[in-house]
Amino acid sequence: MCAYVDERKHLGVRAERIMVEIKRIAHAAREAMFSESSYSFDAAKRLDVAQQRAITWCIERYYGG
């Protein structure tokens, strides 16, 4: 996550845009889960938590690093 944020920041991408990209990745993962028979509410909840943590890390890295 840190390397991704550092690279995108170096390229001049704003933090808001990086967060949108992270949310898009999480959405794609969620869509893939829905298409599989192994989808579960617990897995979706873990993905939501991971997405929120990724957003937090992104903000901390972007503005703190």
PDB file of N, CA and C in Angstrom:
ATOM      1  N   MET A   1       0.827  -1.166   0.000  1.00  0.00           N
ATOM      2  CA  MET A   1       0.000   0.000   0.000  1.00  0.00           C
ATOM      3  C   MET A   1       0.883   1.246   0.000  1.00  0.00           C
ATOM      4  N   CYS A   2       1.911   1.230   0.826  1.00  0.00           N
ATOM      5  CA  CYS A   2       2.794   2.402   0.895  1.00  0.00           C
ATOM      6  C   CYS A   2       3.459   2.685  -0.449  1.00  0.00           C
ATOM      7  N   ALA A   3       3.972   1.640  -1.086  1.00  0.00           N
ATOM      8  CA  ALA A   3       4.638   1.829  -2.378  1.00  0.00           C
ATOM      9  C   ALA A   3       3.655   2.351  -3.421  1.00  0.00           C
ATOM     10  N   TYR A   4       2.427   1.847  -3.401  1.00  0.00           N
ATOM     11  CA  TYR A   4       1.406   2.296  -4.343  1.00  0.00           C
ATOM     12  C   TYR A   4       1.126   3.780  -4.141  1.00  0.00           C
ATOM     13  N   VAL A   5       0.894   4.173  -2.893  1.00  0.00           N
ATOM     14  CA  VAL A   5       0.603   5.577  -2.591  1.00  0.00           C
ATOM     15  C   VAL A   5       1.792   6.454  -2.950  1.00  0.00           C
ATOM     16  N   ASP A   6       2.999   6.023  -2.593  1.00  0.00           N
ATOM     17  CA  ASP A   6       4.190   6.818  -2.907  1.00  0.00           C
ATOM     18  C   ASP A   6       4.333   7.037  -4.417  1.00  0.00           C
ATOM     19  N   GLU A   7       4.125   5.970  -5.180  1.00  0.00           N
ATOM     20  CA  GLU A   7       4.260   6.079  -6.632  1.00  0.00           C
ATOM     21  C   GLU A   7       3.202   7.012  -7.217  1.00  0.00           C
ATOM     22  N   ARG A   8       1.959   6.836  -6.794  1.00  0.00           N
ATOM     23  CA  ARG A   8       0.877   7.665  -7.319  1.00  0.00           C
ATOM     24  C   ARG A   8       1.081   9.130  -6.916  1.00  0.00           C
ATOM     25  N   LYS A   9       1.533   9.376  -5.689  1.00  0.00           N
ATOM     26  CA  LYS A   9       1.791  10.742  -5.232  1.00  0.00           C
ATOM     27  C   LYS A   9       2.918  11.369  -6.043  1.00  0.00           C
ATOM     28  N   HIS A  10       3.959  10.594  -6.285  1.00  0.00           N
ATOM     29  CA  HIS A  10       5.088  11.066  -7.078  1.00  0.00           C
ATOM     30  C   HIS A  10       4.647  11.471  -8.487  1.00  0.00           C
ATOM     31  N   LEU A  11       3.644  10.773  -8.995  1.00  0.00           N
ATOM     32  CA  LEU A  11       3.118  11.089 -10.329  1.00  0.00           C
ATOM     33  C   LEU A  11       2.139  12.270 -10.308  1.00  0.00           C
ATOM     34  N   GLY A  12       1.891  12.801  -9.121  1.00  0.00           N
ATOM     35  CA  GLY A  12       1.020  13.967  -9.005  1.00  0.00           C
ATOM     36  C   GLY A  12      -0.452  13.659  -8.802  1.00  0.00           C
ATOM     37  N   VAL A  13      -0.746  12.409  -8.498  1.00  0.00           N
ATOM     38  CA  VAL A  13      -2.136  12.016  -8.276  1.00  0.00           C
ATOM     39  C   VAL A  13      -2.563  12.480  -6.880  1.00  0.00           C
ATOM     40  N   ARG A  14      -3.727  13.104  -6.811  1.00  0.00           N
ATOM     41  CA  ARG A  14      -4.229  13.601  -5.530  1.00  0.00           C
ATOM     42  C   ARG A  14      -4.703  12.448  -4.651  1.00  0.00           C
ATOM     43  N   ALA A  15      -4.678  12.659  -3.349  1.00  0.00           N
ATOM     44  CA  ALA A  15      -5.091  11.625  -2.393  1.00  0.00           C
ATOM     45  C   ALA A  15      -6.521  11.154  -2.664  1.00  0.00           C
ATOM     46  N   GLU A  16      -7.390  12.074  -2.995  1.00  0.00           N
ATOM     47  CA  GLU A  16      -8.789  11.720  -3.253  1.00  0.00           C
ATOM     48  C   GLU A  16      -8.899  10.724  -4.409  1.00  0.00           C
ATOM     49  N   ARG A  17      -8.102  10.921  -5.421  1.00  0.00           N
ATOM     50  CA  ARG A  17      -8.118  10.036  -6.583  1.00  0.00           C
ATOM     51  C   ARG A  17      -7.597   8.650  -6.206  1.00  0.00           C
ATOM     52  N   ILE A  18      -6.567   8.606  -5.381  1.00  0.00           N
ATOM     53  CA  ILE A  18      -6.013   7.324  -4.943  1.00  0.00           C
ATOM     54  C   ILE A  18      -7.065   6.556  -4.148  1.00  0.00           C
ATOM     55  N   MET A  19      -7.815   7.252  -3.301  1.00  0.00           N
ATOM     56  CA  MET A  19      -8.872   6.596  -2.527  1.00  0.00           C
ATOM     57  C   MET A  19      -9.952   6.032  -3.446  1.00  0.00           C
ATOM     58  N   VAL A  20     -10.286   6.764  -4.503  1.00  0.00           N
ATOM     59  CA  VAL A  20     -11.258   6.268  -5.477  1.00  0.00           C
ATOM     60  C   VAL A  20     -10.722   5.002  -6.139  1.00  0.00           C
ATOM     61  N   GLU A  21      -9.446   4.988  -6.465  1.00  0.00           N
ATOM     62  CA  GLU A  21      -8.834   3.809  -7.076  1.00  0.00           C
ATOM     63  C   GLU A  21      -8.902   2.610  -6.134  1.00  0.00           C
ATOM     64  N   ILE A  22      -8.623   2.837  -4.853  1.00  0.00           N
ATOM     65  CA  ILE A  22      -8.677   1.756  -3.864  1.00  0.00           C
ATOM     66  C   ILE A  22     -10.101   1.215  -3.753  1.00  0.00           C
ATOM     67  N   LYS A  23     -11.070   2.122  -3.729  1.00  0.00           N
ATOM     68  CA  LYS A  23     -12.470   1.701  -3.651  1.00  0.00           C
ATOM     69  C   LYS A  23     -12.869   0.914  -4.892  1.00  0.00           C
ATOM     70  N   ARG A  24     -12.351   1.302  -6.044  1.00  0.00           N
ATOM     71  CA  ARG A  24     -12.646   0.583  -7.282  1.00  0.00           C
ATOM     72  C   ARG A  24     -12.083  -0.841  -7.236  1.00  0.00           C
ATOM     73  N   ILE A  25     -10.883  -0.981  -6.696  1.00  0.00           N
ATOM     74  CA  ILE A  25     -10.272  -2.307  -6.556  1.00  0.00           C
ATOM     75  C   ILE A  25     -11.109  -3.170  -5.612  1.00  0.00           C
ATOM     76  N   ALA A  26     -11.529  -2.595  -4.493  1.00  0.00           N
ATOM     77  CA  ALA A  26     -12.357  -3.334  -3.543  1.00  0.00           C
ATOM     78  C   ALA A  26     -13.694  -3.721  -4.180  1.00  0.00           C
ATOM     79  N   HIS A  27     -14.257  -2.830  -4.961  1.00  0.00           N
ATOM     80  CA  HIS A  27     -15.529  -3.126  -5.632  1.00  0.00           C
ATOM     81  C   HIS A  27     -15.358  -4.293  -6.602  1.00  0.00           C
ATOM     82  N   ALA A  28     -14.266  -4.301  -7.332  1.00  0.00           N
ATOM     83  CA  ALA A  28     -14.002  -5.401  -8.258  1.00  0.00           C
ATOM     84  C   ALA A  28     -13.850  -6.725  -7.510  1.00  0.00           C
ATOM     85  N   ALA A  29     -13.194  -6.677  -6.358  1.00  0.00           N
ATOM     86  CA  ALA A  29     -13.047  -7.886  -5.548  1.00  0.00           C
ATOM     87  C   ALA A  29     -14.410  -8.362  -5.054  1.00  0.00           C
ATOM     88  N   ARG A  30     -15.243  -7.416  -4.640  1.00  0.00           N
ATOM     89  CA  ARG A  30     -16.589  -7.759  -4.172  1.00  0.00           C
ATOM     90  C   ARG A  30     -17.411  -8.391  -5.309  1.00  0.00           C
ATOM     91  N   GLU A  31     -17.308  -7.828  -6.500  1.00  0.00           N
ATOM     92  CA  GLU A  31     -18.026  -8.379  -7.651  1.00  0.00           C
ATOM     93  C   GLU A  31     -17.551  -9.797  -7.955  1.00  0.00           C
ATOM     94  N   ALA A  32     -16.271 -10.029  -7.837  1.00  0.00           N
ATOM     95  CA  ALA A  32     -15.734 -11.370  -8.073  1.00  0.00           C
ATOM     96  C   ALA A  32     -16.266 -12.348  -7.027  1.00  0.00           C
ATOM     97  N   MET A  33     -16.394 -11.879  -5.795  1.00  0.00           N
ATOM     98  CA  MET A  33     -16.930 -12.734  -4.739  1.00  0.00           C
ATOM     99  C   MET A  33     -18.385 -13.106  -5.022  1.00  0.00           C
ATOM    100  N   PHE A  34     -19.166 -12.156  -5.513  1.00  0.00           N
ATOM    101  CA  PHE A  34     -20.570 -12.427  -5.813  1.00  0.00           C
ATOM    102  C   PHE A  34     -20.712 -13.476  -6.905  1.00  0.00           C
ATOM    103  N   SER A  35     -19.767 -13.511  -7.824  1.00  0.00           N
ATOM    104  CA  SER A  35     -19.875 -14.452  -8.936  1.00  0.00           C
ATOM    105  C   SER A  35     -19.426 -15.857  -8.552  1.00  0.00           C
ATOM    106  N   GLU A  36     -18.814 -15.995  -7.391  1.00  0.00           N
ATOM    107  CA  GLU A  36     -18.363 -17.304  -6.936  1.00  0.00           C
ATOM    108  C   GLU A  36     -19.396 -17.913  -5.991  1.00  0.00           C
ATOM    109  N   SER A  37     -19.458 -19.192  -5.945  1.00  0.00           N
ATOM    110  CA  SER A  37     -20.404 -19.860  -5.055  1.00  0.00           C
ATOM    111  C   SER A  37     -19.950 -19.785  -3.598  1.00  0.00           C
ATOM    112  N   SER A  38     -18.702 -19.408  -3.364  1.00  0.00           N
ATOM    113  CA  SER A  38     -18.168 -19.376  -2.003  1.00  0.00           C
ATOM    114  C   SER A  38     -18.401 -18.034  -1.305  1.00  0.00           C
ATOM    115  N   TYR A  39     -19.210 -17.161  -1.899  1.00  0.00           N
ATOM    116  CA  TYR A  39     -19.490 -15.856  -1.299  1.00  0.00           C
ATOM    117  C   TYR A  39     -20.149 -16.032   0.059  1.00  0.00           C
ATOM    118  N   SER A  40     -19.710 -15.225   1.002  1.00  0.00           N
ATOM    119  CA  SER A  40     -20.333 -15.247   2.320  1.00  0.00           C
ATOM    120  C   SER A  40     -20.389 -13.839   2.882  1.00  0.00           C
ATOM    121  N   PHE A  41     -21.316 -13.634   3.778  1.00  0.00           N
ATOM    122  CA  PHE A  41     -21.444 -12.333   4.443  1.00  0.00           C
ATOM    123  C   PHE A  41     -20.167 -11.994   5.198  1.00  0.00           C
ATOM    124  N   ASP A  42     -19.568 -12.991   5.858  1.00  0.00           N
ATOM    125  CA  ASP A  42     -18.331 -12.757   6.611  1.00  0.00           C
ATOM    126  C   ASP A  42     -17.203 -12.290   5.702  1.00  0.00           C
ATOM    127  N   ALA A  43     -17.095 -12.889   4.533  1.00  0.00           N
ATOM    128  CA  ALA A  43     -16.054 -12.489   3.585  1.00  0.00           C
ATOM    129  C   ALA A  43     -16.284 -11.058   3.119  1.00  0.00           C
ATOM    130  N   ALA A  44     -17.536 -10.704   2.858  1.00  0.00           N
ATOM    131  CA  ALA A  44     -17.861  -9.336   2.442  1.00  0.00           C
ATOM    132  C   ALA A  44     -17.542  -8.352   3.546  1.00  0.00           C
ATOM    133  N   LYS A  45     -17.826  -8.712   4.774  1.00  0.00           N
ATOM    134  CA  LYS A  45     -17.533  -7.836   5.914  1.00  0.00           C
ATOM    135  C   LYS A  45     -16.023  -7.637   6.059  1.00  0.00           C
ATOM    136  N   ARG A  46     -15.259  -8.713   5.897  1.00  0.00           N
ATOM    137  CA  ARG A  46     -13.795  -8.593   5.985  1.00  0.00           C
ATOM    138  C   ARG A  46     -13.262  -7.683   4.874  1.00  0.00           C
ATOM    139  N   LEU A  47     -13.849  -7.777   3.695  1.00  0.00           N
ATOM    140  CA  LEU A  47     -13.442  -6.916   2.592  1.00  0.00           C
ATOM    141  C   LEU A  47     -13.750  -5.449   2.915  1.00  0.00           C
ATOM    142  N   ASP A  48     -14.899  -5.192   3.519  1.00  0.00           N
ATOM    143  CA  ASP A  48     -15.247  -3.822   3.921  1.00  0.00           C
ATOM    144  C   ASP A  48     -14.242  -3.273   4.924  1.00  0.00           C
ATOM    145  N   VAL A  49     -13.875  -4.088   5.903  1.00  0.00           N
ATOM    146  CA  VAL A  49     -12.900  -3.675   6.915  1.00  0.00           C
ATOM    147  C   VAL A  49     -11.544  -3.420   6.261  1.00  0.00           C
ATOM    148  N   ALA A  50     -11.144  -4.310   5.369  1.00  0.00           N
ATOM    149  CA  ALA A  50      -9.861  -4.131   4.675  1.00  0.00           C
ATOM    150  C   ALA A  50      -9.864  -2.858   3.842  1.00  0.00           C
ATOM    151  N   GLN A  51     -10.982  -2.574   3.189  1.00  0.00           N
ATOM    152  CA  GLN A  51     -11.073  -1.349   2.391  1.00  0.00           C
ATOM    153  C   GLN A  51     -10.934  -0.115   3.280  1.00  0.00           C
ATOM    154  N   GLN A  52     -11.601  -0.101   4.402  1.00  0.00           N
ATOM    155  CA  GLN A  52     -11.497   1.049   5.308  1.00  0.00           C
ATOM    156  C   GLN A  52     -10.073   1.222   5.829  1.00  0.00           C
ATOM    157  N   ARG A  53      -9.426   0.122   6.151  1.00  0.00           N
ATOM    158  CA  ARG A  53      -8.029   0.201   6.610  1.00  0.00           C
ATOM    159  C   ARG A  53      -7.123   0.722   5.498  1.00  0.00           C
ATOM    160  N   ALA A  54      -7.350   0.263   4.286  1.00  0.00           N
ATOM    161  CA  ALA A  54      -6.544   0.720   3.154  1.00  0.00           C
ATOM    162  C   ALA A  54      -6.720   2.221   2.941  1.00  0.00           C
ATOM    163  N   ILE A  55      -7.934   2.709   3.066  1.00  0.00           N
ATOM    164  CA  ILE A  55      -8.187   4.144   2.920  1.00  0.00           C
ATOM    165  C   ILE A  55      -7.451   4.912   4.009  1.00  0.00           C
ATOM    166  N   THR A  56      -7.526   4.421   5.236  1.00  0.00           N
ATOM    167  CA  THR A  56      -6.829   5.075   6.357  1.00  0.00           C
ATOM    168  C   THR A  56      -5.327   5.100   6.110  1.00  0.00           C
ATOM    169  N   TRP A  57      -4.767   3.959   5.690  1.00  0.00           N
ATOM    170  CA  TRP A  57      -3.330   3.899   5.408  1.00  0.00           C
ATOM    171  C   TRP A  57      -2.955   4.858   4.285  1.00  0.00           C
ATOM    172  N   CYS A  58      -3.790   4.933   3.290  1.00  0.00           N
ATOM    173  CA  CYS A  58      -3.549   5.819   2.154  1.00  0.00           C
ATOM    174  C   CYS A  58      -3.444   7.265   2.633  1.00  0.00           C
ATOM    175  N   ILE A  59      -4.398   7.692   3.416  1.00  0.00           N
ATOM    176  CA  ILE A  59      -4.406   9.072   3.916  1.00  0.00           C
ATOM    177  C   ILE A  59      -3.183   9.335   4.777  1.00  0.00           C
ATOM    178  N   GLU A  60      -2.893   8.410   5.693  1.00  0.00           N
ATOM    179  CA  GLU A  60      -1.733   8.582   6.579  1.00  0.00           C
ATOM    180  C   GLU A  60      -0.443   8.651   5.775  1.00  0.00           C
ATOM    181  N   ARG A  61      -0.301   7.770   4.804  1.00  0.00           N
ATOM    182  CA  ARG A  61       0.925   7.753   3.991  1.00  0.00           C
ATOM    183  C   ARG A  61       1.042   8.990   3.124  1.00  0.00           C
ATOM    184  N   TYR A  62      -0.055   9.360   2.502  1.00  0.00           N
ATOM    185  CA  TYR A  62      -0.028  10.486   1.572  1.00  0.00           C
ATOM    186  C   TYR A  62       0.329  11.788   2.288  1.00  0.00           C
ATOM    187  N   TYR A  63      -0.283  12.019   3.425  1.00  0.00           N
ATOM    188  CA  TYR A  63      -0.070  13.290   4.113  1.00  0.00           C
ATOM    189  C   TYR A  63       1.038  13.239   5.153  1.00  0.00           C
ATOM    190  N   GLY A  64       1.406  12.024   5.560  1.00  0.00           N
ATOM    191  CA  GLY A  64       2.446  11.900   6.570  1.00  0.00           C
ATOM    192  C   GLY A  64       3.806  11.553   6.009  1.00  0.00           C
ATOM    193  N   GLY A  65       3.830  11.111   4.744  1.00  0.00           N
ATOM    194  CA  GLY A  65       5.080  10.599   4.192  1.00  0.00           C
ATOM    195  C   GLY A  65       5.748  11.486   3.225  1.00  0.00           C
TER     196      GLY A  65
END
